Every structure is written in C-alpha cells, then in structure tokens.
Amino acid sequence: MLPQQGDLATRGGSATVRRPHQRSEDDPDTSNDESNDQPVGLYGTLTLSVCYPATGKCYDVDADLSGTTLDRLYFPKGGWVDFDSCDLDDDYTGECDDENGKSWEINGEA
C-alpha cells in the first residue's frame, strides 16, 4: 500500500500515513494523551535516526522526505516539526534547522 500523502503546509497540515493503524484511546489515569501517540514506522516516508544537540538526546523518528530533502520529522508522542530547506547527503545524513530555528543532526536511516 502506498503512503497517504499528508499536507506539508507550513505550521499545520496533516500527517503522511505510511501504514494505517488504529489510534489508541486516551487513558484518563495518565498525564499523556495516548490518542496523540504516533508509533515509529507508521508515518512519513522513512524512519531516520536523529539527534537534538541542545539536549544531547537521540531518537528514531519517522520523517517525510522528497528524495534526500527532509520536509518533516514526526514525534512519537504526537506532532511534528517542518523544515524549509534541509538537503541531506545520499545516506540521509546532515544538519538542519527546523521551522523554529532549532538545530538537528540527521544520522541516516534507522
């Protein structure tokens, strides 16, 4: 099945769904809204290994790419961040600033 292409409108839009899945219901006994969870491997066009240098933390996250241009990163606890101009190397590595000016290290396919 081909991905259902999302709307990459700046600051909004909709997610690209790579594999359909049943959303979790929110558990009122937790502080997390589980209905927003976006499990890895279900969104975007590829899963990448990324690091956020400001915290030193690294993650495997889903991403929307057009060739080797990174358009969006999806966060497992819901939401995403868009990139205006993020050209990666052929092995999907590079450094880019997101729409909020935050820097990310992209370390290739996860």
N, C-alpha and C. Protein backbone atom coordinates (compact mmCIF):
# COMPACT_ATOMS: atom_id res chain seq x y z
N MET A 1 0.84 -1.18 0.00
CA MET A 1 0.00 0.00 0.00
C MET A 1 0.89 1.24 0.00
N LEU A 2 0.57 2.21 -0.84
CA LEU A 2 1.31 3.45 -0.90
C LEU A 2 0.93 4.36 0.26
N PRO A 3 1.88 5.19 0.70
CA PRO A 3 1.54 6.12 1.78
C PRO A 3 0.43 7.08 1.37
N GLN A 4 -0.38 7.47 2.34
CA GLN A 4 -1.38 8.51 2.12
C GLN A 4 -0.67 9.82 2.39
N GLN A 5 -0.37 10.57 1.33
CA GLN A 5 0.41 11.79 1.44
C GLN A 5 -0.29 12.83 2.30
N GLY A 6 0.45 13.38 3.24
CA GLY A 6 -0.08 14.43 4.10
C GLY A 6 0.08 15.79 3.44
N ASP A 7 -0.46 16.79 4.09
CA ASP A 7 -0.35 18.17 3.65
C ASP A 7 0.79 18.79 4.44
N LEU A 8 1.89 19.15 3.75
CA LEU A 8 3.06 19.71 4.41
C LEU A 8 2.98 21.24 4.53
N ALA A 9 1.78 21.76 4.70
CA ALA A 9 1.61 23.20 4.86
C ALA A 9 2.44 23.68 6.05
N THR A 10 3.11 24.81 5.88
CA THR A 10 3.92 25.37 6.95
C THR A 10 3.05 25.60 8.17
N ARG A 11 3.52 25.12 9.33
CA ARG A 11 2.83 25.28 10.61
C ARG A 11 1.40 24.75 10.56
N GLY A 12 1.31 23.49 10.31
CA GLY A 12 0.00 22.86 10.28
C GLY A 12 0.01 21.71 9.31
N GLY A 13 -1.07 21.54 8.62
CA GLY A 13 -1.15 20.48 7.65
C GLY A 13 -1.63 19.19 8.28
N SER A 14 -1.32 18.08 7.61
CA SER A 14 -1.72 16.77 8.10
C SER A 14 -0.56 15.80 7.91
N ALA A 15 -0.62 14.70 8.61
CA ALA A 15 0.46 13.71 8.58
C ALA A 15 0.39 12.82 7.35
N THR A 16 1.55 12.37 6.88
CA THR A 16 1.62 11.32 5.88
C THR A 16 1.53 9.99 6.62
N VAL A 17 0.59 9.15 6.23
CA VAL A 17 0.38 7.86 6.89
C VAL A 17 0.99 6.77 6.01
N ARG A 18 2.08 6.15 6.49
CA ARG A 18 2.76 5.10 5.74
C ARG A 18 2.02 3.78 5.85
N ARG A 19 1.56 3.45 7.05
CA ARG A 19 0.79 2.23 7.30
C ARG A 19 -0.38 2.59 8.20
N PRO A 20 -1.60 2.33 7.75
CA PRO A 20 -2.77 2.64 8.60
C PRO A 20 -2.70 1.86 9.91
N HIS A 21 -3.21 2.46 10.96
CA HIS A 21 -3.25 1.79 12.26
C HIS A 21 -4.41 2.35 13.08
N GLN A 22 -4.77 1.62 14.08
CA GLN A 22 -5.83 2.04 15.00
C GLN A 22 -5.22 2.93 16.07
N ARG A 23 -5.72 4.16 16.18
CA ARG A 23 -5.22 5.06 17.22
C ARG A 23 -5.62 4.53 18.59
N SER A 24 -4.72 4.74 19.57
CA SER A 24 -5.02 4.35 20.95
C SER A 24 -6.02 5.32 21.55
N GLU A 25 -6.79 4.83 22.48
CA GLU A 25 -7.68 5.73 23.22
C GLU A 25 -6.90 6.32 24.37
N ASP A 26 -7.28 7.53 24.78
CA ASP A 26 -6.61 8.19 25.90
C ASP A 26 -6.94 7.47 27.20
N ASP A 27 -5.90 7.24 28.00
CA ASP A 27 -6.07 6.64 29.32
C ASP A 27 -6.18 7.78 30.32
N PRO A 28 -7.34 8.01 30.92
CA PRO A 28 -7.52 9.15 31.83
C PRO A 28 -6.66 9.04 33.10
N ASP A 29 -6.07 7.87 33.36
CA ASP A 29 -5.24 7.70 34.55
C ASP A 29 -3.78 8.11 34.33
N THR A 30 -3.45 8.57 33.12
CA THR A 30 -2.08 9.03 32.84
C THR A 30 -2.10 10.49 32.43
N SER A 31 -0.93 11.14 32.51
CA SER A 31 -0.84 12.54 32.08
C SER A 31 -0.60 12.65 30.58
N ASN A 32 -0.25 11.55 29.93
CA ASN A 32 -0.04 11.53 28.49
C ASN A 32 -1.37 11.32 27.78
N ASP A 33 -1.56 12.01 26.67
CA ASP A 33 -2.74 11.77 25.84
C ASP A 33 -2.37 10.73 24.80
N GLU A 34 -2.64 9.47 25.10
CA GLU A 34 -2.25 8.37 24.23
C GLU A 34 -2.88 8.46 22.84
N SER A 35 -3.97 9.18 22.70
CA SER A 35 -4.62 9.30 21.39
C SER A 35 -3.75 10.09 20.42
N ASN A 36 -2.75 10.83 20.92
CA ASN A 36 -1.83 11.58 20.06
C ASN A 36 -0.59 10.79 19.68
N ASP A 37 -0.36 9.63 20.30
CA ASP A 37 0.85 8.87 20.05
C ASP A 37 0.97 8.51 18.57
N GLN A 38 2.17 8.62 18.04
CA GLN A 38 2.47 8.29 16.65
C GLN A 38 3.59 7.25 16.66
N PRO A 39 3.26 5.97 16.72
CA PRO A 39 4.29 4.93 16.79
C PRO A 39 5.25 5.00 15.60
N VAL A 40 6.52 4.71 15.83
CA VAL A 40 7.54 4.75 14.78
C VAL A 40 7.25 3.67 13.75
N GLY A 41 7.47 4.03 12.48
CA GLY A 41 7.27 3.10 11.37
C GLY A 41 5.92 3.20 10.70
N LEU A 42 5.07 4.09 11.18
CA LEU A 42 3.73 4.22 10.62
C LEU A 42 3.49 5.52 9.87
N TYR A 43 4.34 6.52 10.09
CA TYR A 43 4.14 7.83 9.49
C TYR A 43 5.30 8.19 8.57
N GLY A 44 5.09 9.20 7.74
CA GLY A 44 6.15 9.68 6.86
C GLY A 44 6.50 8.67 5.79
N THR A 45 7.68 8.87 5.20
CA THR A 45 8.12 8.01 4.12
C THR A 45 9.30 7.14 4.51
N LEU A 46 9.97 7.46 5.65
CA LEU A 46 11.16 6.74 6.07
C LEU A 46 11.38 6.98 7.56
N THR A 47 12.04 6.07 8.25
CA THR A 47 12.40 6.26 9.65
C THR A 47 13.88 6.62 9.71
N LEU A 48 14.19 7.73 10.39
CA LEU A 48 15.56 8.24 10.50
C LEU A 48 16.04 8.22 11.94
N SER A 49 17.34 8.17 12.10
CA SER A 49 17.98 8.34 13.40
C SER A 49 18.40 9.81 13.48
N VAL A 50 17.90 10.52 14.49
CA VAL A 50 18.20 11.95 14.63
C VAL A 50 18.65 12.27 16.05
N CYS A 51 19.43 13.34 16.18
CA CYS A 51 19.86 13.82 17.49
C CYS A 51 19.50 15.29 17.61
N TYR A 52 19.11 15.67 18.81
CA TYR A 52 18.80 17.07 19.11
C TYR A 52 19.95 17.57 19.99
N PRO A 53 20.95 18.26 19.40
CA PRO A 53 22.15 18.65 20.13
C PRO A 53 21.90 19.48 21.39
N ALA A 54 20.81 20.22 21.43
CA ALA A 54 20.53 21.06 22.61
C ALA A 54 20.38 20.22 23.87
N THR A 55 19.91 18.99 23.73
CA THR A 55 19.74 18.10 24.89
C THR A 55 20.69 16.90 24.86
N GLY A 56 21.30 16.66 23.70
CA GLY A 56 22.17 15.51 23.55
C GLY A 56 21.42 14.20 23.38
N LYS A 57 20.11 14.26 23.21
CA LYS A 57 19.30 13.05 23.07
C LYS A 57 19.14 12.68 21.61
N CYS A 58 19.11 11.37 21.36
CA CYS A 58 18.93 10.85 20.00
C CYS A 58 17.68 9.98 19.96
N TYR A 59 17.05 9.94 18.79
CA TYR A 59 15.78 9.24 18.63
C TYR A 59 15.71 8.60 17.25
N ASP A 60 14.92 7.56 17.12
CA ASP A 60 14.48 7.06 15.82
C ASP A 60 13.09 7.63 15.61
N VAL A 61 12.92 8.40 14.54
CA VAL A 61 11.64 9.05 14.28
C VAL A 61 11.28 8.90 12.80
N ASP A 62 10.00 8.94 12.53
CA ASP A 62 9.54 8.91 11.15
C ASP A 62 9.73 10.29 10.54
N ALA A 63 9.91 10.30 9.22
CA ALA A 63 10.18 11.55 8.51
C ALA A 63 9.54 11.53 7.14
N ASP A 64 9.19 12.71 6.66
CA ASP A 64 8.78 12.90 5.28
C ASP A 64 9.98 13.42 4.52
N LEU A 65 10.33 12.73 3.45
CA LEU A 65 11.43 13.16 2.59
C LEU A 65 10.96 13.23 1.15
N SER A 66 11.52 14.17 0.41
CA SER A 66 11.34 14.25 -1.04
C SER A 66 12.73 14.01 -1.61
N GLY A 67 13.01 12.78 -2.01
CA GLY A 67 14.38 12.41 -2.41
C GLY A 67 15.26 12.45 -1.17
N THR A 68 16.24 13.34 -1.15
CA THR A 68 17.10 13.50 0.03
C THR A 68 16.83 14.81 0.75
N THR A 69 15.70 15.42 0.47
CA THR A 69 15.30 16.66 1.16
C THR A 69 14.35 16.31 2.29
N LEU A 70 14.74 16.66 3.52
CA LEU A 70 13.90 16.41 4.69
C LEU A 70 12.85 17.49 4.79
N ASP A 71 11.58 17.07 4.83
CA ASP A 71 10.46 18.02 4.92
C ASP A 71 9.87 18.08 6.32
N ARG A 72 9.85 16.92 7.04
CA ARG A 72 9.16 16.89 8.33
C ARG A 72 9.69 15.73 9.17
N LEU A 73 9.76 15.94 10.51
CA LEU A 73 10.03 14.88 11.48
C LEU A 73 8.78 14.71 12.33
N TYR A 74 8.39 13.46 12.58
CA TYR A 74 7.23 13.13 13.41
C TYR A 74 7.70 12.68 14.78
N PHE A 75 7.07 13.20 15.83
CA PHE A 75 7.44 12.83 17.19
C PHE A 75 6.54 11.70 17.70
N PRO A 76 7.13 10.70 18.37
CA PRO A 76 6.35 9.56 18.84
C PRO A 76 5.19 9.91 19.78
N LYS A 77 5.30 10.99 20.51
CA LYS A 77 4.23 11.39 21.43
C LYS A 77 3.29 12.39 20.78
N GLY A 78 3.32 12.45 19.46
CA GLY A 78 2.39 13.30 18.72
C GLY A 78 3.04 14.56 18.20
N GLY A 79 2.54 15.03 17.09
CA GLY A 79 3.02 16.26 16.49
C GLY A 79 4.22 16.06 15.59
N TRP A 80 4.68 17.15 15.02
CA TRP A 80 5.80 17.13 14.10
C TRP A 80 6.42 18.50 14.01
N VAL A 81 7.55 18.57 13.33
CA VAL A 81 8.22 19.83 13.04
C VAL A 81 8.61 19.80 11.57
N ASP A 82 8.42 20.93 10.89
CA ASP A 82 8.72 21.03 9.47
C ASP A 82 10.07 21.69 9.24
N PHE A 83 10.63 21.44 8.05
CA PHE A 83 11.90 22.03 7.64
C PHE A 83 11.68 22.74 6.32
N ASP A 84 12.21 23.96 6.20
CA ASP A 84 12.02 24.74 4.98
C ASP A 84 12.99 24.33 3.89
N SER A 85 14.25 24.07 4.26
CA SER A 85 15.25 23.73 3.27
C SER A 85 16.31 22.87 3.95
N CYS A 86 16.12 21.56 3.89
CA CYS A 86 17.02 20.65 4.58
C CYS A 86 17.47 19.57 3.60
N ASP A 87 18.58 19.84 2.93
CA ASP A 87 19.12 18.88 1.96
C ASP A 87 20.12 17.97 2.67
N LEU A 88 19.86 16.66 2.60
CA LEU A 88 20.70 15.67 3.23
C LEU A 88 21.62 15.03 2.20
N ASP A 89 22.69 14.39 2.68
CA ASP A 89 23.56 13.61 1.80
C ASP A 89 22.80 12.38 1.32
N ASP A 90 23.37 11.64 0.37
CA ASP A 90 22.72 10.46 -0.19
C ASP A 90 22.44 9.39 0.85
N ASP A 91 23.19 9.38 1.95
CA ASP A 91 22.96 8.40 3.02
C ASP A 91 22.06 8.97 4.12
N TYR A 92 21.34 10.04 3.80
CA TYR A 92 20.39 10.69 4.72
C TYR A 92 21.07 11.22 5.98
N THR A 93 22.23 11.82 5.83
CA THR A 93 22.90 12.46 6.96
C THR A 93 23.04 13.95 6.67
N GLY A 94 23.12 14.73 7.75
CA GLY A 94 23.30 16.17 7.61
C GLY A 94 22.85 16.88 8.86
N GLU A 95 22.95 18.19 8.84
CA GLU A 95 22.50 19.04 9.94
C GLU A 95 21.57 20.09 9.38
N CYS A 96 20.43 20.29 10.06
CA CYS A 96 19.43 21.23 9.57
C CYS A 96 18.75 21.94 10.73
N ASP A 97 18.23 23.13 10.43
CA ASP A 97 17.41 23.87 11.39
C ASP A 97 15.95 23.70 11.01
N ASP A 98 15.10 23.46 12.02
CA ASP A 98 13.68 23.30 11.75
C ASP A 98 13.00 24.66 11.63
N GLU A 99 11.68 24.65 11.46
CA GLU A 99 10.91 25.87 11.27
C GLU A 99 10.99 26.82 12.47
N ASN A 100 11.39 26.29 13.63
CA ASN A 100 11.52 27.11 14.83
C ASN A 100 12.95 27.54 15.10
N GLY A 101 13.86 27.23 14.17
CA GLY A 101 15.26 27.61 14.31
C GLY A 101 16.08 26.66 15.17
N LYS A 102 15.51 25.51 15.54
CA LYS A 102 16.23 24.52 16.36
C LYS A 102 17.04 23.60 15.45
N SER A 103 18.27 23.32 15.86
CA SER A 103 19.19 22.53 15.06
C SER A 103 19.05 21.04 15.35
N TRP A 104 19.11 20.23 14.28
CA TRP A 104 19.01 18.77 14.37
C TRP A 104 20.15 18.14 13.61
N GLU A 105 20.67 17.03 14.14
CA GLU A 105 21.65 16.20 13.43
C GLU A 105 20.89 14.99 12.89
N ILE A 106 20.98 14.77 11.60
CA ILE A 106 20.31 13.65 10.97
C ILE A 106 21.39 12.60 10.67
N ASN A 107 21.23 11.39 11.21
CA ASN A 107 22.28 10.38 11.16
C ASN A 107 21.96 9.18 10.28
N GLY A 108 21.05 9.33 9.35
CA GLY A 108 20.75 8.25 8.41
C GLY A 108 19.52 7.44 8.77
N GLU A 109 19.29 6.46 7.93
CA GLU A 109 18.11 5.60 8.12
C GLU A 109 18.25 4.74 9.36
N ALA A 110 17.17 4.65 10.13
CA ALA A 110 17.17 3.86 11.38
C ALA A 110 16.88 2.41 11.10
